[in-house]
């Protein structure tokens, strides 16, 4: 082996792997999931029977260390199990940028949505590298997760007001 190295003029035959200190934020490999800084609802009382319907609208404040926000979603469930999802995409950032910003999404509530309280049931955010944060009210530690991520708007109420629930009440339309 020594003869081969000498014959081929190879003198550097070793190297040192040095991990050194941890890289500064914004450099090195992206291994951290996005951070949820808060979640807020535009309205906590909705009436799907109003003219134009009702929209569930939410804003997520987030930060990410390196690659930036890619997508996310939240889900709300009624007491009977009806659900509505709101999807957030990185190209919909309403303020800031992919590393530190706010993103808003809206979804029309079904006109026959259950009246009563709808609870936040799931939340997920993912960055462009694929690191994600996910939690659900089915998991232990849900309450602690909400507090740690500044999430206080965890429900909205569907209230039809003086209108009867969809599919109930007198049929006041006559056939033509």
Protein backbone atom coordinates (compact mmCIF):
# COMPACT_ATOMS: atom_id res chain seq x y z
CA UNK A 1 0.00 0.00 0.00
CA UNK A 2 2.79 2.40 0.89
CA UNK A 3 4.53 1.68 -2.42
CA UNK A 4 1.29 2.39 -4.34
CA UNK A 5 0.78 5.70 -2.52
CA UNK A 6 4.38 6.76 -3.13
CA UNK A 7 4.32 5.68 -6.79
CA UNK A 8 1.18 7.76 -7.36
CA UNK A 9 2.46 10.77 -5.41
CA UNK A 10 -0.31 10.50 -2.79
CA UNK A 11 0.77 11.97 0.51
CA UNK A 12 -2.49 13.02 2.21
CA UNK A 13 -4.01 9.75 3.34
CA UNK A 14 -6.25 10.84 6.20
CA UNK A 15 -8.79 13.47 7.11
CA UNK A 16 -10.48 14.77 10.24
CA UNK A 17 -14.24 15.03 10.71
CA UNK A 18 -14.97 18.06 12.87
CA UNK A 19 -18.56 18.87 13.67
CA UNK A 20 -17.52 22.01 15.52
CA UNK A 21 -20.14 24.18 17.17
CA UNK A 22 -23.79 24.04 16.19
CA UNK A 23 -24.47 26.14 13.09
CA UNK A 24 -25.96 29.60 13.44
CA UNK A 25 -29.73 29.85 12.91
CA UNK A 26 -30.54 29.98 9.21
CA UNK A 27 -27.50 27.87 8.26
CA UNK A 28 -26.80 24.16 8.17
CA UNK A 29 -29.31 21.35 7.80
CA UNK A 30 -32.98 22.12 8.42
CA UNK A 31 -34.13 19.63 11.03
CA UNK A 32 -36.64 21.73 13.00
CA UNK A 33 -40.37 21.89 12.35
CA UNK A 34 -42.16 25.22 12.02
CA UNK A 35 -43.22 26.93 15.23
CA UNK A 36 -46.83 27.97 15.77
CA UNK A 37 -46.78 31.46 17.30
CA UNK A 38 -50.57 31.74 17.53
CA UNK A 39 -53.93 31.01 15.92
CA UNK A 40 -56.92 33.34 15.77
CA UNK A 41 -60.41 33.15 14.32
CA UNK A 42 -61.98 36.08 12.47
CA UNK A 43 -65.35 35.31 14.08
CA UNK A 44 -66.41 32.93 16.84
CA UNK A 45 -70.16 33.02 16.04
CA UNK A 46 -71.36 32.01 12.58
CA UNK A 47 -74.81 31.81 10.99
CA UNK A 48 -74.81 29.73 7.78
CA UNK A 49 -78.40 30.88 7.04
CA UNK A 50 -77.37 34.52 6.63
CA UNK A 51 -77.29 35.97 3.14
CA UNK A 52 -74.10 34.80 1.43
CA UNK A 53 -73.52 32.06 3.99
CA UNK A 54 -70.86 31.98 6.69
CA UNK A 55 -67.12 31.49 6.40
CA UNK A 56 -64.76 30.02 8.97
CA UNK A 57 -61.64 32.15 8.69
CA UNK A 58 -58.45 31.62 10.69
CA UNK A 59 -54.98 33.14 10.81
CA UNK A 60 -51.89 31.23 11.93
CA UNK A 61 -48.78 33.11 13.03
CA UNK A 62 -45.66 30.99 12.47
CA UNK A 63 -41.90 30.98 12.27
CA UNK A 64 -39.41 28.55 10.75
CA UNK A 65 -35.65 28.41 11.16
CA UNK A 66 -34.41 27.72 7.63
CA UNK A 67 -36.40 26.37 4.69
CA UNK A 68 -39.64 28.22 5.36
CA UNK A 69 -43.34 27.44 5.70
CA UNK A 70 -44.76 25.12 3.03
CA UNK A 71 -48.29 24.15 4.06
CA UNK A 72 -50.62 23.51 6.96
CA UNK A 73 -54.19 22.72 7.89
CA UNK A 74 -56.55 22.87 10.81
CA UNK A 75 -59.75 20.96 11.44
CA UNK A 76 -62.80 21.80 13.55
CA UNK A 77 -65.43 19.24 14.60
CA UNK A 78 -69.00 19.62 15.80
CA UNK A 79 -70.35 17.58 18.70
CA UNK A 80 -71.96 15.13 16.24
CA UNK A 81 -68.75 14.67 14.23
CA UNK A 82 -69.26 17.04 11.30
CA UNK A 83 -65.97 18.66 10.36
CA UNK A 84 -64.47 21.49 8.37
CA UNK A 85 -60.84 21.78 7.24
CA UNK A 86 -58.95 24.96 6.46
CA UNK A 87 -55.86 24.58 4.28
CA UNK A 88 -52.91 26.98 4.32
CA UNK A 89 -50.32 27.14 1.50
CA UNK A 90 -46.96 28.88 1.49
CA UNK A 91 -47.97 31.08 -1.43
CA UNK A 92 -50.85 32.56 0.62
CA UNK A 93 -48.82 34.32 3.32
CA UNK A 94 -50.76 37.43 4.30
CA UNK A 95 -47.91 39.21 6.11
CA UNK A 96 -44.23 38.59 6.68
CA UNK A 97 -42.43 35.85 4.80
CA UNK A 98 -41.92 32.07 4.81
CA UNK A 99 -39.59 32.28 7.82
CA UNK A 100 -41.72 34.53 10.02
CA UNK A 101 -45.24 35.46 9.06
CA UNK A 102 -48.97 35.07 9.19
CA UNK A 103 -51.19 33.08 6.89
CA UNK A 104 -54.97 33.19 6.58
CA UNK A 105 -57.41 30.66 5.16
CA UNK A 106 -61.20 30.60 4.87
CA UNK A 107 -63.75 27.93 4.08
CA UNK A 108 -67.49 28.31 3.62
CA UNK A 109 -69.47 26.54 6.29
CA UNK A 110 -72.02 24.09 4.93
CA UNK A 111 -75.52 25.55 4.95
CA UNK A 112 -76.69 22.51 6.94
CA UNK A 113 -73.89 22.65 9.51
CA UNK A 114 -74.72 21.48 13.01
CA UNK A 115 -75.66 24.28 15.35
CA UNK A 116 -73.66 24.50 18.54
CA UNK A 117 -69.98 24.48 19.41
CA UNK A 118 -67.30 23.38 16.93
CA UNK A 119 -63.91 22.58 18.51
CA UNK A 120 -60.43 22.76 17.02
CA UNK A 121 -59.50 19.09 16.68
CA UNK A 122 -56.27 18.92 14.66
CA UNK A 123 -53.47 21.19 13.47
CA UNK A 124 -50.47 20.56 11.25
CA UNK A 125 -47.73 22.78 9.80
CA UNK A 126 -44.88 21.64 7.57
CA UNK A 127 -41.82 23.42 6.22
CA UNK A 128 -40.30 23.07 2.76
CA UNK A 129 -37.85 20.41 3.97
CA UNK A 130 -40.68 18.21 5.27
CA UNK A 131 -40.29 18.87 9.00
CA UNK A 132 -43.75 19.02 10.51
CA UNK A 133 -45.59 19.72 13.71
CA UNK A 134 -48.89 17.92 14.27
CA UNK A 135 -51.20 17.54 17.20
CA UNK A 136 -54.79 16.51 17.83
CA UNK A 137 -57.26 16.74 20.68
CA UNK A 138 -57.21 12.93 20.62
CA UNK A 139 -53.59 13.05 21.86
CA UNK A 140 -52.61 13.46 25.48
CA UNK A 141 -51.07 16.84 26.14
CA UNK A 142 -53.45 18.71 23.79
CA UNK A 143 -54.23 21.43 26.34
CA UNK A 144 -50.54 21.97 27.07
CA UNK A 145 -49.83 22.11 23.31
CA UNK A 146 -52.45 24.83 22.85
CA UNK A 147 -51.01 26.94 25.67
CA UNK A 148 -47.41 26.46 24.52
CA UNK A 149 -48.33 27.59 21.00
CA UNK A 150 -50.46 30.60 22.03
CA UNK A 151 -53.65 29.07 20.67
CA UNK A 152 -56.64 30.46 22.54
CA UNK A 153 -59.28 30.59 19.77
CA UNK A 154 -60.15 26.90 19.86
CA UNK A 155 -63.83 26.97 18.98
CA UNK A 156 -66.63 28.74 17.19
CA UNK A 157 -70.40 28.54 17.58
CA UNK A 158 -72.89 27.93 14.79
CA UNK A 159 -76.03 29.86 15.72
CA UNK A 160 -78.94 30.07 13.31
CA UNK A 161 -80.51 32.82 15.40
CA UNK A 162 -84.24 33.17 14.80
CA UNK A 163 -84.05 30.93 11.75
CA UNK A 164 -85.02 27.32 12.35
CA UNK A 165 -82.36 24.67 11.98
CA UNK A 166 -81.99 23.54 8.37
CA UNK A 167 -84.58 20.95 7.41
CA UNK A 168 -86.95 21.89 10.26
CA UNK A 169 -89.82 24.32 10.52
CA UNK A 170 -92.78 24.91 8.26
CA UNK A 171 -92.39 24.58 4.50
CA UNK A 172 -93.61 27.97 3.35
CA UNK A 173 -92.86 27.58 -0.34
CA UNK A 174 -95.66 26.44 -2.61
CA UNK A 175 -95.16 24.57 -5.83
CA UNK A 176 -95.55 26.65 -8.98
